[in-house]
């Protein structure tokens, strides 16, 4: 049986971890053990927050639509119910963009919902 030295593989693996930890503070960017620990947390937070981001943006859009609706004299819930009743299939992202950038178009949508 021939002897296998595994130094190159181990070195490559450690180098890869340190490459990902670039930009971290203190020893976490240069010490393998600290970098590995920091990356374990960083990657788990990144995974979690990719999901949280979707929730946060939806909440933001709802708030923006509600504010725009109240200026037109209708509540958010009645507005959304009216959209569904009139089969207007615009998502909240587009509605909030319309409310901010094209208030006259948004006003027409509200008028259609009210009638």
PDB file of N, CA and C in Angstrom:
ATOM      1  N   UNK A   1       0.844  -1.186   0.000  1.00  0.00           N
ATOM      2  CA  UNK A   1       0.000   0.000   0.000  1.00  0.00           C
ATOM      3  C   UNK A   1       0.888   1.247   0.000  1.00  0.00           C
ATOM      4  N   UNK A   2       0.616   2.178  -0.908  1.00  0.00           N
ATOM      5  CA  UNK A   2       1.429   3.387  -0.966  1.00  0.00           C
ATOM      6  C   UNK A   2       0.906   4.422   0.029  1.00  0.00           C
ATOM      7  N   UNK A   3       1.806   5.245   0.455  1.00  0.00           N
ATOM      8  CA  UNK A   3       1.464   6.266   1.438  1.00  0.00           C
ATOM      9  C   UNK A   3       0.853   7.474   0.721  1.00  0.00           C
ATOM     10  N   UNK A   4      -0.266   7.980   1.291  1.00  0.00           N
ATOM     11  CA  UNK A   4      -0.929   9.149   0.705  1.00  0.00           C
ATOM     12  C   UNK A   4      -0.784  10.316   1.667  1.00  0.00           C
ATOM     13  N   UNK A   5      -0.127  11.360   1.207  1.00  0.00           N
ATOM     14  CA  UNK A   5      -0.001  12.567   2.029  1.00  0.00           C
ATOM     15  C   UNK A   5      -1.164  13.488   1.658  1.00  0.00           C
ATOM     16  N   UNK A   6      -1.917  13.928   2.663  1.00  0.00           N
ATOM     17  CA  UNK A   6      -3.145  14.674   2.376  1.00  0.00           C
ATOM     18  C   UNK A   6      -2.999  16.176   2.630  1.00  0.00           C
ATOM     19  N   UNK A   7      -1.784  16.637   2.720  1.00  0.00           N
ATOM     20  CA  UNK A   7      -1.538  18.047   3.023  1.00  0.00           C
ATOM     21  C   UNK A   7      -2.120  19.002   1.995  1.00  0.00           C
ATOM     22  N   UNK A   8      -2.002  18.661   0.734  1.00  0.00           N
ATOM     23  CA  UNK A   8      -2.473  19.574  -0.321  1.00  0.00           C
ATOM     24  C   UNK A   8      -3.991  19.745  -0.261  1.00  0.00           C
ATOM     25  N   UNK A   9      -4.709  18.654  -0.038  1.00  0.00           N
ATOM     26  CA  UNK A   9      -6.178  18.711   0.041  1.00  0.00           C
ATOM     27  C   UNK A   9      -6.617  19.546   1.238  1.00  0.00           C
ATOM     28  N   UNK A  10      -5.991  19.296   2.386  1.00  0.00           N
ATOM     29  CA  UNK A  10      -6.326  20.035   3.604  1.00  0.00           C
ATOM     30  C   UNK A  10      -6.014  21.520   3.424  1.00  0.00           C
ATOM     31  N   UNK A  11      -4.873  21.808   2.826  1.00  0.00           N
ATOM     32  CA  UNK A  11      -4.475  23.198   2.594  1.00  0.00           C
ATOM     33  C   UNK A  11      -5.464  23.897   1.674  1.00  0.00           C
ATOM     34  N   UNK A  12      -5.900  23.194   0.636  1.00  0.00           N
ATOM     35  CA  UNK A  12      -6.854  23.750  -0.325  1.00  0.00           C
ATOM     36  C   UNK A  12      -8.184  24.065   0.368  1.00  0.00           C
ATOM     37  N   UNK A  13      -8.633  23.140   1.204  1.00  0.00           N
ATOM     38  CA  UNK A  13      -9.891  23.324   1.920  1.00  0.00           C
ATOM     39  C   UNK A  13      -9.818  24.543   2.859  1.00  0.00           C
ATOM     40  N   UNK A  14      -8.718  24.636   3.602  1.00  0.00           N
ATOM     41  CA  UNK A  14      -8.545  25.754   4.542  1.00  0.00           C
ATOM     42  C   UNK A  14      -8.441  27.079   3.795  1.00  0.00           C
ATOM     43  N   UNK A  15      -7.738  27.061   2.670  1.00  0.00           N
ATOM     44  CA  UNK A  15      -7.572  28.269   1.858  1.00  0.00           C
ATOM     45  C   UNK A  15      -8.933  28.748   1.346  1.00  0.00           C
ATOM     46  N   UNK A  16      -9.764  27.804   0.982  1.00  0.00           N
ATOM     47  CA  UNK A  16     -11.102  28.126   0.486  1.00  0.00           C
ATOM     48  C   UNK A  16     -11.953  28.793   1.579  1.00  0.00           C
ATOM     49  N   UNK A  17     -11.868  28.259   2.790  1.00  0.00           N
ATOM     50  CA  UNK A  17     -12.609  28.843   3.925  1.00  0.00           C
ATOM     51  C   UNK A  17     -12.126  30.270   4.175  1.00  0.00           C
ATOM     52  N   UNK A  18     -10.809  30.460   4.181  1.00  0.00           N
ATOM     53  CA  UNK A  18     -10.247  31.792   4.428  1.00  0.00           C
ATOM     54  C   UNK A  18     -10.594  32.759   3.294  1.00  0.00           C
ATOM     55  N   UNK A  19     -10.728  32.242   2.083  1.00  0.00           N
ATOM     56  CA  UNK A  19     -11.117  33.083   0.944  1.00  0.00           C
ATOM     57  C   UNK A  19     -12.530  33.631   1.179  1.00  0.00           C
ATOM     58  N   UNK A  20     -13.419  32.783   1.677  1.00  0.00           N
ATOM     59  CA  UNK A  20     -14.797  33.208   1.931  1.00  0.00           C
ATOM     60  C   UNK A  20     -14.893  34.171   3.118  1.00  0.00           C
ATOM     61  N   UNK A  21     -13.911  34.105   4.030  1.00  0.00           N
ATOM     62  CA  UNK A  21     -13.935  34.955   5.221  1.00  0.00           C
ATOM     63  C   UNK A  21     -13.249  36.303   4.985  1.00  0.00           C
ATOM     64  N   UNK A  22     -12.894  36.587   3.737  1.00  0.00           N
ATOM     65  CA  UNK A  22     -12.224  37.845   3.420  1.00  0.00           C
ATOM     66  C   UNK A  22     -13.131  39.017   3.771  1.00  0.00           C
ATOM     67  N   UNK A  23     -12.574  40.008   4.443  1.00  0.00           N
ATOM     68  CA  UNK A  23     -13.361  41.183   4.818  1.00  0.00           C
ATOM     69  C   UNK A  23     -13.913  41.107   6.228  1.00  0.00           C
ATOM     70  N   UNK A  24     -13.767  39.964   6.895  1.00  0.00           N
ATOM     71  CA  UNK A  24     -14.224  39.847   8.274  1.00  0.00           C
ATOM     72  C   UNK A  24     -13.243  40.591   9.179  1.00  0.00           C
ATOM     73  N   UNK A  25     -13.700  40.930  10.380  1.00  0.00           N
ATOM     74  CA  UNK A  25     -12.847  41.672  11.318  1.00  0.00           C
ATOM     75  C   UNK A  25     -11.945  40.742  12.115  1.00  0.00           C
ATOM     76  N   UNK A  26     -10.840  41.298  12.591  1.00  0.00           N
ATOM     77  CA  UNK A  26      -9.915  40.659  13.516  1.00  0.00           C
ATOM     78  C   UNK A  26      -9.434  39.310  13.029  1.00  0.00           C
ATOM     79  N   UNK A  27      -9.344  38.334  13.927  1.00  0.00           N
ATOM     80  CA  UNK A  27      -8.763  37.033  13.564  1.00  0.00           C
ATOM     81  C   UNK A  27      -9.672  36.184  12.715  1.00  0.00           C
ATOM     82  N   UNK A  28     -10.917  36.613  12.589  1.00  0.00           N
ATOM     83  CA  UNK A  28     -11.877  35.796  11.845  1.00  0.00           C
ATOM     84  C   UNK A  28     -11.578  35.757  10.352  1.00  0.00           C
ATOM     85  N   UNK A  29     -10.720  36.667   9.890  1.00  0.00           N
ATOM     86  CA  UNK A  29     -10.350  36.642   8.468  1.00  0.00           C
ATOM     87  C   UNK A  29      -9.079  35.845   8.207  1.00  0.00           C
ATOM     88  N   UNK A  30      -8.302  35.562   9.254  1.00  0.00           N
ATOM     89  CA  UNK A  30      -6.999  34.934   9.029  1.00  0.00           C
ATOM     90  C   UNK A  30      -6.791  33.618   9.776  1.00  0.00           C
ATOM     91  N   UNK A  31      -7.530  33.395  10.859  1.00  0.00           N
ATOM     92  CA  UNK A  31      -7.368  32.161  11.636  1.00  0.00           C
ATOM     93  C   UNK A  31      -8.448  31.169  11.202  1.00  0.00           C
ATOM     94  N   UNK A  32      -8.010  29.991  10.780  1.00  0.00           N
ATOM     95  CA  UNK A  32      -8.924  29.015  10.179  1.00  0.00           C
ATOM     96  C   UNK A  32     -10.099  28.673  11.086  1.00  0.00           C
ATOM     97  N   UNK A  33      -9.811  28.370  12.346  1.00  0.00           N
ATOM     98  CA  UNK A  33     -10.865  27.924  13.260  1.00  0.00           C
ATOM     99  C   UNK A  33     -11.914  29.029  13.467  1.00  0.00           C
ATOM    100  N   UNK A  34     -11.437  30.249  13.657  1.00  0.00           N
ATOM    101  CA  UNK A  34     -12.346  31.388  13.863  1.00  0.00           C
ATOM    102  C   UNK A  34     -13.125  31.689  12.584  1.00  0.00           C
ATOM    103  N   UNK A  35     -12.462  31.569  11.456  1.00  0.00           N
ATOM    104  CA  UNK A  35     -13.108  31.834  10.163  1.00  0.00           C
ATOM    105  C   UNK A  35     -14.212  30.823   9.903  1.00  0.00           C
ATOM    106  N   UNK A  36     -13.937  29.556  10.212  1.00  0.00           N
ATOM    107  CA  UNK A  36     -14.922  28.493   9.998  1.00  0.00           C
ATOM    108  C   UNK A  36     -16.169  28.741  10.842  1.00  0.00           C
ATOM    109  N   UNK A  37     -15.949  29.125  12.086  1.00  0.00           N
ATOM    110  CA  UNK A  37     -17.056  29.432  13.017  1.00  0.00           C
ATOM    111  C   UNK A  37     -17.859  30.632  12.523  1.00  0.00           C
ATOM    112  N   UNK A  38     -17.154  31.673  12.106  1.00  0.00           N
ATOM    113  CA  UNK A  38     -17.818  32.894  11.632  1.00  0.00           C
ATOM    114  C   UNK A  38     -18.632  32.626  10.373  1.00  0.00           C
ATOM    115  N   UNK A  39     -18.085  31.824   9.470  1.00  0.00           N
ATOM    116  CA  UNK A  39     -18.793  31.507   8.228  1.00  0.00           C
ATOM    117  C   UNK A  39     -20.022  30.643   8.478  1.00  0.00           C
ATOM    118  N   UNK A  40     -19.933  29.756   9.455  1.00  0.00           N
ATOM    119  CA  UNK A  40     -21.097  28.920   9.785  1.00  0.00           C
ATOM    120  C   UNK A  40     -22.269  29.808  10.185  1.00  0.00           C
ATOM    121  N   UNK A  41     -21.989  30.829  11.005  1.00  0.00           N
ATOM    122  CA  UNK A  41     -23.039  31.774  11.411  1.00  0.00           C
ATOM    123  C   UNK A  41     -23.481  32.634  10.232  1.00  0.00           C
ATOM    124  N   UNK A  42     -22.506  33.159   9.496  1.00  0.00           N
ATOM    125  CA  UNK A  42     -22.813  34.063   8.383  1.00  0.00           C
ATOM    126  C   UNK A  42     -23.713  33.389   7.353  1.00  0.00           C
ATOM    127  N   UNK A  43     -23.378  32.146   7.012  1.00  0.00           N
ATOM    128  CA  UNK A  43     -24.163  31.453   5.988  1.00  0.00           C
ATOM    129  C   UNK A  43     -25.558  31.096   6.488  1.00  0.00           C
ATOM    130  N   UNK A  44     -25.676  30.781   7.781  1.00  0.00           N
ATOM    131  CA  UNK A  44     -27.010  30.455   8.304  1.00  0.00           C
ATOM    132  C   UNK A  44     -27.874  31.715   8.362  1.00  0.00           C
ATOM    133  N   UNK A  45     -27.267  32.850   8.713  1.00  0.00           N
ATOM    134  CA  UNK A  45     -28.015  34.122   8.725  1.00  0.00           C
ATOM    135  C   UNK A  45     -28.423  34.501   7.299  1.00  0.00           C
ATOM    136  N   UNK A  46     -27.538  34.281   6.357  1.00  0.00           N
ATOM    137  CA  UNK A  46     -27.824  34.624   4.960  1.00  0.00           C
ATOM    138  C   UNK A  46     -28.996  33.792   4.446  1.00  0.00           C
ATOM    139  N   UNK A  47     -28.995  32.501   4.769  1.00  0.00           N
ATOM    140  CA  UNK A  47     -30.080  31.612   4.347  1.00  0.00           C
ATOM    141  C   UNK A  47     -31.398  32.064   4.963  1.00  0.00           C
ATOM    142  N   UNK A  48     -31.373  32.334   6.269  1.00  0.00           N
ATOM    143  CA  UNK A  48     -32.582  32.767   6.985  1.00  0.00           C
ATOM    144  C   UNK A  48     -33.114  34.082   6.426  1.00  0.00           C
ATOM    145  N   UNK A  49     -32.213  35.025   6.198  1.00  0.00           N
ATOM    146  CA  UNK A  49     -32.643  36.373   5.816  1.00  0.00           C
ATOM    147  C   UNK A  49     -33.055  36.485   4.355  1.00  0.00           C
ATOM    148  N   UNK A  50     -32.669  35.513   3.529  1.00  0.00           N
ATOM    149  CA  UNK A  50     -33.207  35.500   2.161  1.00  0.00           C
ATOM    150  C   UNK A  50     -34.707  35.263   2.208  1.00  0.00           C
ATOM    151  N   UNK A  51     -35.180  34.540   3.200  1.00  0.00           N
ATOM    152  CA  UNK A  51     -36.614  34.319   3.376  1.00  0.00           C
ATOM    153  C   UNK A  51     -37.274  35.500   4.074  1.00  0.00           C
ATOM    154  N   UNK A  52     -36.597  36.045   5.073  1.00  0.00           N
ATOM    155  CA  UNK A  52     -37.138  37.187   5.826  1.00  0.00           C
ATOM    156  C   UNK A  52     -37.316  38.403   4.927  1.00  0.00           C
ATOM    157  N   UNK A  53     -36.404  38.574   3.972  1.00  0.00           N
ATOM    158  CA  UNK A  53     -36.446  39.705   3.045  1.00  0.00           C
ATOM    159  C   UNK A  53     -37.771  39.763   2.299  1.00  0.00           C
ATOM    160  N   UNK A  54     -38.264  38.606   1.879  1.00  0.00           N
ATOM    161  CA  UNK A  54     -39.527  38.536   1.144  1.00  0.00           C
ATOM    162  C   UNK A  54     -40.680  39.033   2.013  1.00  0.00           C
ATOM    163  N   UNK A  55     -40.670  38.628   3.297  1.00  0.00           N
ATOM    164  CA  UNK A  55     -41.713  39.071   4.236  1.00  0.00           C
ATOM    165  C   UNK A  55     -41.652  40.578   4.446  1.00  0.00           C
ATOM    166  N   UNK A  56     -40.436  41.080   4.648  1.00  0.00           N
ATOM    167  CA  UNK A  56     -40.266  42.507   4.931  1.00  0.00           C
ATOM    168  C   UNK A  56     -40.721  43.374   3.766  1.00  0.00           C
ATOM    169  N   UNK A  57     -40.390  42.956   2.552  1.00  0.00           N
ATOM    170  CA  UNK A  57     -40.806  43.747   1.394  1.00  0.00           C
ATOM    171  C   UNK A  57     -42.309  43.724   1.218  1.00  0.00           C
ATOM    172  N   UNK A  58     -42.933  42.562   1.457  1.00  0.00           N
ATOM    173  CA  UNK A  58     -44.394  42.484   1.344  1.00  0.00           C
ATOM    174  C   UNK A  58     -45.054  43.423   2.351  1.00  0.00           C
ATOM    175  N   UNK A  59     -44.522  43.455   3.585  1.00  0.00           N
ATOM    176  CA  UNK A  59     -45.060  44.365   4.615  1.00  0.00           C
ATOM    177  C   UNK A  59     -44.917  45.827   4.184  1.00  0.00           C
ATOM    178  N   UNK A  60     -43.755  46.162   3.618  1.00  0.00           N
ATOM    179  CA  UNK A  60     -43.502  47.521   3.158  1.00  0.00           C
ATOM    180  C   UNK A  60     -44.490  47.920   2.068  1.00  0.00           C
ATOM    181  N   UNK A  61     -44.701  47.017   1.093  1.00  0.00           N
ATOM    182  CA  UNK A  61     -45.635  47.308   0.001  1.00  0.00           C
ATOM    183  C   UNK A  61     -47.045  47.504   0.526  1.00  0.00           C
ATOM    184  N   UNK A  62     -47.448  46.687   1.514  1.00  0.00           N
ATOM    185  CA  UNK A  62     -48.791  46.818   2.081  1.00  0.00           C
ATOM    186  C   UNK A  62     -48.967  48.175   2.747  1.00  0.00           C
ATOM    187  N   UNK A  63     -47.949  48.623   3.456  1.00  0.00           N
ATOM    188  CA  UNK A  63     -48.001  49.926   4.136  1.00  0.00           C
ATOM    189  C   UNK A  63     -48.112  51.047   3.104  1.00  0.00           C
ATOM    190  N   UNK A  64     -47.325  50.961   2.031  1.00  0.00           N
ATOM    191  CA  UNK A  64     -47.340  51.997   0.996  1.00  0.00           C
ATOM    192  C   UNK A  64     -48.688  52.031   0.267  1.00  0.00           C
ATOM    193  N   UNK A  65     -49.245  50.866  -0.027  1.00  0.00           N
ATOM    194  CA  UNK A  65     -50.548  50.804  -0.696  1.00  0.00           C
ATOM    195  C   UNK A  65     -51.626  51.361   0.228  1.00  0.00           C
ATOM    196  N   UNK A  66     -51.565  51.001   1.496  1.00  0.00           N
ATOM    197  CA  UNK A  66     -52.545  51.476   2.474  1.00  0.00           C
ATOM    198  C   UNK A  66     -52.531  52.995   2.558  1.00  0.00           C
ATOM    199  N   UNK A  67     -51.330  53.577   2.602  1.00  0.00           N
ATOM    200  CA  UNK A  67     -51.210  55.043   2.683  1.00  0.00           C
ATOM    201  C   UNK A  67     -51.827  55.709   1.455  1.00  0.00           C
ATOM    202  N   UNK A  68     -51.552  55.140   0.284  1.00  0.00           N
ATOM    203  CA  UNK A  68     -52.080  55.695  -0.964  1.00  0.00           C
ATOM    204  C   UNK A  68     -53.601  55.521  -1.042  1.00  0.00           C
ATOM    205  N   UNK A  69     -54.086  54.396  -0.551  1.00  0.00           N
ATOM    206  CA  UNK A  69     -55.533  54.131  -0.565  1.00  0.00           C
ATOM    207  C   UNK A  69     -56.271  55.102   0.345  1.00  0.00           C
ATOM    208  N   UNK A  70     -55.720  55.351   1.515  1.00  0.00           N
ATOM    209  CA  UNK A  70     -56.377  56.233   2.487  1.00  0.00           C
ATOM    210  C   UNK A  70     -56.483  57.664   1.959  1.00  0.00           C
ATOM    211  N   UNK A  71     -55.513  58.072   1.136  1.00  0.00           N
ATOM    212  CA  UNK A  71     -55.609  59.393   0.488  1.00  0.00           C
ATOM    213  C   UNK A  71     -56.809  59.448  -0.449  1.00  0.00           C
ATOM    214  N   UNK A  72     -57.159  58.280  -1.024  1.00  0.00           N
ATOM    215  CA  UNK A  72     -58.298  58.190  -1.945  1.00  0.00           C
ATOM    216  C   UNK A  72     -59.602  57.870  -1.209  1.00  0.00           C
ATOM    217  N   UNK A  73     -59.520  57.709   0.108  1.00  0.00           N
ATOM    218  CA  UNK A  73     -60.720  57.481   0.916  1.00  0.00           C
ATOM    219  C   UNK A  73     -61.206  56.040   0.937  1.00  0.00           C
ATOM    220  N   UNK A  74     -60.292  55.102   0.903  1.00  0.00           N
ATOM    221  CA  UNK A  74     -60.660  53.678   0.985  1.00  0.00           C
ATOM    222  C   UNK A  74     -59.606  52.966   1.824  1.00  0.00           C
ATOM    223  N   UNK A  75     -60.032  51.952   2.578  1.00  0.00           N
ATOM    224  CA  UNK A  75     -59.063  51.221   3.406  1.00  0.00           C
ATOM    225  C   UNK A  75     -58.349  50.169   2.563  1.00  0.00           C
ATOM    226  N   UNK A  76     -57.231  49.703   3.064  1.00  0.00           N
ATOM    227  CA  UNK A  76     -56.415  48.704   2.357  1.00  0.00           C
ATOM    228  C   UNK A  76     -57.204  47.421   2.129  1.00  0.00           C
ATOM    229  N   UNK A  77     -57.872  46.954   3.180  1.00  0.00           N
ATOM    230  CA  UNK A  77     -58.583  45.676   3.075  1.00  0.00           C
ATOM    231  C   UNK A  77     -59.720  45.749   2.060  1.00  0.00           C
ATOM    232  N   UNK A  78     -60.443  46.869   2.048  1.00  0.00           N
ATOM    233  CA  UNK A  78     -61.535  47.033   1.075  1.00  0.00           C
ATOM    234  C   UNK A  78     -60.976  47.139  -0.347  1.00  0.00           C
ATOM    235  N   UNK A  79     -59.823  47.781  -0.470  1.00  0.00           N
ATOM    236  CA  UNK A  79     -59.168  47.935  -1.772  1.00  0.00           C
ATOM    237  C   UNK A  79     -58.769  46.570  -2.335  1.00  0.00           C
ATOM    238  N   UNK A  80     -58.125  45.750  -1.510  1.00  0.00           N
ATOM    239  CA  UNK A  80     -57.671  44.425  -1.943  1.00  0.00           C
ATOM    240  C   UNK A  80     -58.874  43.530  -2.269  1.00  0.00           C
ATOM    241  N   UNK A  81     -59.905  43.620  -1.435  1.00  0.00           N
ATOM    242  CA  UNK A  81     -61.124  42.833  -1.688  1.00  0.00           C
ATOM    243  C   UNK A  81     -61.750  43.260  -3.015  1.00  0.00           C
ATOM    244  N   UNK A  82     -61.760  44.571  -3.279  1.00  0.00           N
ATOM    245  CA  UNK A  82     -62.297  45.094  -4.540  1.00  0.00           C
ATOM    246  C   UNK A  82     -61.494  44.645  -5.742  1.00  0.00           C
ATOM    247  N   UNK A  83     -60.187  44.594  -5.598  1.00  0.00           N
ATOM    248  CA  UNK A  83     -59.320  44.105  -6.685  1.00  0.00           C
ATOM    249  C   UNK A  83     -59.669  42.664  -7.040  1.00  0.00           C
ATOM    250  N   UNK A  84     -59.832  41.841  -6.013  1.00  0.00           N
ATOM    251  CA  UNK A  84     -60.145  40.427  -6.233  1.00  0.00           C
ATOM    252  C   UNK A  84     -61.525  40.278  -6.877  1.00  0.00           C
ATOM    253  N   UNK A  85     -62.479  41.099  -6.427  1.00  0.00           N
ATOM    254  CA  UNK A  85     -63.845  41.048  -6.952  1.00  0.00           C
ATOM    255  C   UNK A  85     -63.890  41.456  -8.429  1.00  0.00           C
ATOM    256  N   UNK A  86     -63.098  42.482  -8.782  1.00  0.00           N
ATOM    257  CA  UNK A  86     -63.057  42.971 -10.167  1.00  0.00           C
ATOM    258  C   UNK A  86     -62.045  42.227 -11.042  1.00  0.00           C
ATOM    259  N   UNK A  87     -61.430  41.192 -10.467  1.00  0.00           N
ATOM    260  CA  UNK A  87     -60.440  40.360 -11.178  1.00  0.00           C
ATOM    261  C   UNK A  87     -59.278  41.186 -11.752  1.00  0.00           C
ATOM    262  N   UNK A  88     -58.806  42.154 -10.948  1.00  0.00           N
ATOM    263  CA  UNK A  88     -57.618  42.927 -11.324  1.00  0.00           C
ATOM    264  C   UNK A  88     -56.435  42.223 -10.667  1.00  0.00           C
ATOM    265  N   UNK A  89     -55.591  41.603 -11.478  1.00  0.00           N
ATOM    266  CA  UNK A  89     -54.500  40.792 -10.941  1.00  0.00           C
ATOM    267  C   UNK A  89     -53.174  41.542 -10.986  1.00  0.00           C
ATOM    268  N   UNK A  90     -53.039  42.512 -10.100  1.00  0.00           N
ATOM    269  CA  UNK A  90     -51.771  43.227  -9.928  1.00  0.00           C
ATOM    270  C   UNK A  90     -51.231  42.869  -8.556  1.00  0.00           C
ATOM    271  N   UNK A  91     -49.944  42.527  -8.499  1.00  0.00           N
ATOM    272  CA  UNK A  91     -49.395  42.186  -7.189  1.00  0.00           C
ATOM    273  C   UNK A  91     -49.054  43.445  -6.395  1.00  0.00           C
ATOM    274  N   UNK A  92     -48.749  43.244  -5.125  1.00  0.00           N
ATOM    275  CA  UNK A  92     -48.531  44.368  -4.214  1.00  0.00           C
ATOM    276  C   UNK A  92     -47.308  45.201  -4.599  1.00  0.00           C
ATOM    277  N   UNK A  93     -46.295  44.544  -5.144  1.00  0.00           N
ATOM    278  CA  UNK A  93     -45.085  45.258  -5.568  1.00  0.00           C
ATOM    279  C   UNK A  93     -45.435  46.287  -6.639  1.00  0.00           C
ATOM    280  N   UNK A  94     -46.186  45.863  -7.647  1.00  0.00           N
ATOM    281  CA  UNK A  94     -46.565  46.747  -8.754  1.00  0.00           C
ATOM    282  C   UNK A  94     -47.495  47.847  -8.257  1.00  0.00           C
ATOM    283  N   UNK A  95     -48.441  47.488  -7.395  1.00  0.00           N
ATOM    284  CA  UNK A  95     -49.383  48.481  -6.862  1.00  0.00           C
ATOM    285  C   UNK A  95     -48.661  49.573  -6.073  1.00  0.00           C
ATOM    286  N   UNK A  96     -47.679  49.194  -5.267  1.00  0.00           N
ATOM    287  CA  UNK A  96     -46.948  50.196  -4.484  1.00  0.00           C
ATOM    288  C   UNK A  96     -46.102  51.091  -5.397  1.00  0.00           C
ATOM    289  N   UNK A  97     -45.526  50.503  -6.463  1.00  0.00           N
ATOM    290  CA  UNK A  97     -44.777  51.298  -7.447  1.00  0.00           C
ATOM    291  C   UNK A  97     -45.692  52.305  -8.135  1.00  0.00           C
ATOM    292  N   UNK A  98     -46.892  51.845  -8.516  1.00  0.00           N
ATOM    293  CA  UNK A  98     -47.863  52.742  -9.148  1.00  0.00           C
ATOM    294  C   UNK A  98     -48.255  53.862  -8.193  1.00  0.00           C
ATOM    295  N   UNK A  99     -48.483  53.528  -6.937  1.00  0.00           N
ATOM    296  CA  UNK A  99     -48.889  54.523  -5.942  1.00  0.00           C
ATOM    297  C   UNK A  99     -47.814  55.597  -5.764  1.00  0.00           C
ATOM    298  N   UNK A 100     -46.534  55.180  -5.835  1.00  0.00           N
ATOM    299  CA  UNK A 100     -45.433  56.136  -5.658  1.00  0.00           C
ATOM    300  C   UNK A 100     -45.145  56.927  -6.928  1.00  0.00           C
ATOM    301  N   UNK A 101     -45.000  56.206  -8.057  1.00  0.00           N
ATOM    302  CA  UNK A 101     -44.503  56.837  -9.282  1.00  0.00           C
ATOM    303  C   UNK A 101     -45.602  57.362 -10.211  1.00  0.00           C
ATOM    304  N   UNK A 102     -46.762  56.687 -10.241  1.00  0.00           N
ATOM    305  CA  UNK A 102     -47.874  57.099 -11.117  1.00  0.00           C
ATOM    306  C   UNK A 102     -49.175  57.198 -10.324  1.00  0.00           C
ATOM    307  N   UNK A 103     -49.310  58.220  -9.475  1.00  0.00           N
ATOM    308  CA  UNK A 103     -50.516  58.303  -8.639  1.00  0.00           C
ATOM    309  C   UNK A 103     -51.809  58.429  -9.446  1.00  0.00           C
ATOM    310  N   UNK A 104     -51.735  59.008 -10.650  1.00  0.00           N
ATOM    311  CA  UNK A 104     -52.952  59.162 -11.458  1.00  0.00           C
ATOM    312  C   UNK A 104     -53.459  57.803 -11.949  1.00  0.00           C
ATOM    313  N   UNK A 105     -52.548  56.896 -12.290  1.00  0.00           N
ATOM    314  CA  UNK A 105     -52.932  55.545 -12.701  1.00  0.00           C
ATOM    315  C   UNK A 105     -53.523  54.792 -11.501  1.00  0.00           C
ATOM    316  N   UNK A 106     -52.863  54.970 -10.342  1.00  0.00           N
ATOM    317  CA  UNK A 106     -53.344  54.318  -9.120  1.00  0.00           C
ATOM    318  C   UNK A 106     -54.748  54.809  -8.770  1.00  0.00           C
ATOM    319  N   UNK A 107     -54.965  56.114  -8.974  1.00  0.00           N
ATOM    320  CA  UNK A 107     -56.273  56.704  -8.681  1.00  0.00           C
ATOM    321  C   UNK A 107     -57.358  56.068  -9.559  1.00  0.00           C
ATOM    322  N   UNK A 108     -57.027  55.821 -10.839  1.00  0.00           N
ATOM    323  CA  UNK A 108     -57.986  55.161 -11.745  1.00  0.00           C
ATOM    324  C   UNK A 108     -58.332  53.758 -11.273  1.00  0.00           C
ATOM    325  N   UNK A 109     -57.314  53.053 -10.780  1.00  0.00           N
ATOM    326  CA  UNK A 109     -57.544  51.693 -10.260  1.00  0.00           C
ATOM    327  C   UNK A 109     -58.478  51.751  -9.046  1.00  0.00           C
ATOM    328  N   UNK A 110     -58.225  52.732  -8.174  1.00  0.00           N
ATOM    329  CA  UNK A 110     -59.073  52.891  -6.971  1.00  0.00           C
ATOM    330  C   UNK A 110     -60.507  53.209  -7.384  1.00  0.00           C
ATOM    331  N   UNK A 111     -60.682  54.076  -8.368  1.00  0.00           N
ATOM    332  CA  UNK A 111     -62.031  54.420  -8.849  1.00  0.00           C
ATOM    333  C   UNK A 111     -62.759  53.186  -9.369  1.00  0.00           C
ATOM    334  N   UNK A 112     -62.024  52.347 -10.109  1.00  0.00           N
ATOM    335  CA  UNK A 112     -62.612  51.111 -10.648  1.00  0.00           C
ATOM    336  C   UNK A 112     -63.014  50.168  -9.508  1.00  0.00           C
ATOM    337  N   UNK A 113     -62.187  50.107  -8.486  1.00  0.00           N
ATOM    338  CA  UNK A 113     -62.457  49.241  -7.329  1.00  0.00           C
ATOM    339  C   UNK A 113     -63.676  49.742  -6.554  1.00  0.00           C
ATOM    340  N   UNK A 114     -63.759  51.064  -6.399  1.00  0.00           N
ATOM    341  CA  UNK A 114     -64.865  51.668  -5.628  1.00  0.00           C
ATOM    342  C   UNK A 114     -66.221  51.425  -6.302  1.00  0.00           C
ATOM    343  N   UNK A 115     -66.242  51.474  -7.643  1.00  0.00           N
ATOM    344  CA  UNK A 115     -67.537  51.342  -8.344  1.00  0.00           C
ATOM    345  C   UNK A 115     -68.065  49.909  -8.349  1.00  0.00           C
TER     346      UNK A 115
END
